[in-house]
C-alpha atoms as a PDB file:
ATOM      1  CA  MET A   1       0.000  -0.010  -0.006  1.00  0.00           C
ATOM      2  CA  LYS A   2       1.378   3.374  -1.040  1.00  0.00           C
ATOM      3  CA  MET A   3      -0.574   5.437   1.455  1.00  0.00           C
ATOM      4  CA  LYS A   4       1.278   6.915   4.405  1.00  0.00           C
ATOM      5  CA  GLN A   5       0.389   5.216   7.648  1.00  0.00           C
ATOM      6  CA  GLU A   6      -0.727   8.489   9.269  1.00  0.00           C
ATOM      7  CA  HIS A   7      -3.168   9.113   6.424  1.00  0.00           C
ATOM      8  CA  PHE A   8      -4.521   5.547   6.605  1.00  0.00           C
ATOM      9  CA  ASP A   9      -4.998   5.878  10.370  1.00  0.00           C
ATOM     10  CA  TYR A  10      -6.828   9.183   9.995  1.00  0.00           C
ATOM     11  CA  MET A  11      -9.167   7.755   7.342  1.00  0.00           C
ATOM     12  CA  LYS A  12      -9.830   4.726   9.463  1.00  0.00           C
ATOM     13  CA  LYS A  13     -10.664   6.820  12.519  1.00  0.00           C
ATOM     14  CA  GLU A  14     -13.101   9.035  10.558  1.00  0.00           C
ATOM     15  CA  ILE A  15     -14.807   6.125   8.830  1.00  0.00           C
ATOM     16  CA  ASN A  16     -15.146   4.222  12.084  1.00  0.00           C
ATOM     17  CA  ILE A  17     -17.019   7.225  13.541  1.00  0.00           C
ATOM     18  CA  VAL A  18     -19.567   6.929  10.717  1.00  0.00           C
ATOM     19  CA  LEU A  19     -19.773   3.146  11.171  1.00  0.00           C
ATOM     20  CA  GLU A  20     -20.352   3.469  14.899  1.00  0.00           C
ATOM     21  CA  LYS A  21     -23.170   5.893  14.292  1.00  0.00           C
ATOM     22  CA  TYR A  22     -24.941   4.224  11.321  1.00  0.00           C
ATOM     23  CA  ASN A  23     -23.852   0.559  11.463  1.00  0.00           C
ATOM     24  CA  ASP A  24     -23.858  -0.224  15.185  1.00  0.00           C
ATOM     25  CA  LYS A  25     -26.150  -3.215  14.555  1.00  0.00           C
ATOM     26  CA  GLY A  26     -25.029  -3.930  10.998  1.00  0.00           C
ATOM     27  CA  GLN A  27     -27.952  -2.043   9.556  1.00  0.00           C
ATOM     28  CA  LEU A  28     -25.917   0.007   7.026  1.00  0.00           C
ATOM     29  CA  VAL A  29     -24.196  -3.102   5.641  1.00  0.00           C
ATOM     30  CA  GLU A  30     -27.561  -4.792   5.327  1.00  0.00           C
ATOM     31  CA  GLU A  31     -29.036  -1.809   3.436  1.00  0.00           C
ATOM     32  CA  TYR A  32     -26.259  -2.039   0.876  1.00  0.00           C
ATOM     33  CA  ARG A  33     -26.374  -5.828   0.748  1.00  0.00           C
ATOM     34  CA  SER A  34     -30.147  -5.673  -0.006  1.00  0.00           C
ATOM     35  CA  GLY A  35     -29.845  -2.770  -2.448  1.00  0.00           C
ATOM     36  CA  ASN A  36     -31.777  -0.369  -0.232  1.00  0.00           C
ATOM     37  CA  PHE A  37     -29.821   2.798  -1.029  1.00  0.00           C
ATOM     38  CA  PRO A  38     -30.109   5.607  -3.639  1.00  0.00           C
ATOM     39  CA  ARG A  39     -29.408   4.622  -7.233  1.00  0.00           C
ATOM     40  CA  ALA A  40     -28.634   1.005  -6.251  1.00  0.00           C
ATOM     41  CA  ASP A  41     -29.881  -0.215  -9.621  1.00  0.00           C
ATOM     42  CA  ALA A  42     -26.977   1.559 -11.387  1.00  0.00           C
ATOM     43  CA  VAL A  43     -24.207   0.111  -9.219  1.00  0.00           C
ATOM     44  CA  LYS A  44     -21.689  -2.120 -10.977  1.00  0.00           C
ATOM     45  CA  ASP A  45     -19.271  -2.684  -8.061  1.00  0.00           C
ATOM     46  CA  LEU A  46     -21.149  -2.792  -4.735  1.00  0.00           C
ATOM     47  CA  GLN A  47     -18.024  -2.923  -2.554  1.00  0.00           C
ATOM     48  CA  LYS A  48     -16.472   0.072  -4.258  1.00  0.00           C
ATOM     49  CA  ARG A  49     -19.717   2.059  -3.975  1.00  0.00           C
ATOM     50  CA  PHE A  50     -20.000   1.211  -0.277  1.00  0.00           C
ATOM     51  CA  CYS A  51     -16.409   2.141   0.437  1.00  0.00           C
ATOM     52  CA  PHE A  52     -16.589   5.468  -1.352  1.00  0.00           C
ATOM     53  CA  ASP A  53     -19.978   6.300   0.163  1.00  0.00           C
ATOM     54  CA  LEU A  54     -18.396   5.842   3.597  1.00  0.00           C
ATOM     55  CA  PHE A  55     -15.431   7.914   2.449  1.00  0.00           C
ATOM     56  CA  TYR A  56     -17.775  10.768   1.416  1.00  0.00           C
ATOM     57  CA  GLY A  57     -20.011  10.298   4.439  1.00  0.00           C
ATOM     58  CA  ALA A  58     -16.958  10.652   6.718  1.00  0.00           C
ATOM     59  CA  GLY A  59     -16.248  14.048   5.147  1.00  0.00           C
ATOM     60  CA  LEU A  60     -12.911  12.977   3.712  1.00  0.00           C
ATOM     61  CA  VAL A  61     -13.239  14.501   0.221  1.00  0.00           C
ATOM     62  CA  ARG A  62     -11.638  17.873   0.897  1.00  0.00           C
ATOM     63  CA  TRP A  63      -9.038  16.351   3.170  1.00  0.00           C
ATOM     64  CA  SER A  64      -8.125  13.781   0.530  1.00  0.00           C
ATOM     65  CA  CYS A  65      -7.652  16.497  -2.103  1.00  0.00           C
ATOM     66  CA  ASP A  66      -5.182  18.262   0.177  1.00  0.00           C
ATOM     67  CA  ASN A  67      -3.439  15.217   1.619  1.00  0.00           C
ATOM     68  CA  LEU A  68      -3.868  12.123  -0.579  1.00  0.00           C
ATOM     69  CA  TYR A  69      -4.246  13.160  -4.211  1.00  0.00           C
ATOM     70  CA  PRO A  70      -0.872  14.964  -4.310  1.00  0.00           C
ATOM     71  CA  TYR A  71       0.776  11.539  -4.178  1.00  0.00           C
ATOM     72  CA  LEU A  72      -1.998   8.909  -4.737  1.00  0.00           C
ATOM     73  CA  ASN A  73      -4.784   8.175  -7.149  1.00  0.00           C
ATOM     74  CA  GLY A  74      -8.302   6.739  -6.664  1.00  0.00           C
ATOM     75  CA  ASP A  75      -7.058   3.157  -6.976  1.00  0.00           C
ATOM     76  CA  HIS A  76      -4.622   3.620  -4.105  1.00  0.00           C
ATOM     77  CA  ILE A  77      -7.352   5.169  -1.971  1.00  0.00           C
ATOM     78  CA  TYR A  78      -9.697   2.284  -2.768  1.00  0.00           C
ATOM     79  CA  THR A  79      -7.043  -0.221  -1.725  1.00  0.00           C
ATOM     80  CA  ALA A  80      -6.914   1.457   1.680  1.00  0.00           C
ATOM     81  CA  LEU A  81     -10.707   1.673   1.912  1.00  0.00           C
ATOM     82  CA  LYS A  82     -11.069  -2.060   1.281  1.00  0.00           C
ATOM     83  CA  LYS A  83      -8.847  -2.640   4.358  1.00  0.00           C
ATOM     84  CA  ILE A  84     -10.951  -0.263   6.481  1.00  0.00           C
ATOM     85  CA  CYS A  85     -14.520  -0.829   5.421  1.00  0.00           C
ATOM     86  CA  PRO A  86     -16.729  -3.895   6.119  1.00  0.00           C
ATOM     87  CA  ILE A  87     -17.049  -6.384   3.272  1.00  0.00           C
ATOM     88  CA  ILE A  88     -20.394  -6.438   1.464  1.00  0.00           C
ATOM     89  CA  LYS A  89     -21.237  -9.927   0.160  1.00  0.00           C
END
């Protein structure tokens, strides 16, 4: 993984805050698993959509523009997100 550990840790902390609030009983994961979220019918990669929705929901977009995109691209960020976010089956 090309992401700096400090950036990975920050992302993990912020995403975990969202998960504690909206997925304390697994309800958010179940909504995605069952397709109960906006524009679910257009999703081609459910795991990617879930990861980036959490990324946006955690308010990491502006931070990532300042801290991640100067040295990473979206694929690198997704690699980190897959390690942080729950797996949708």
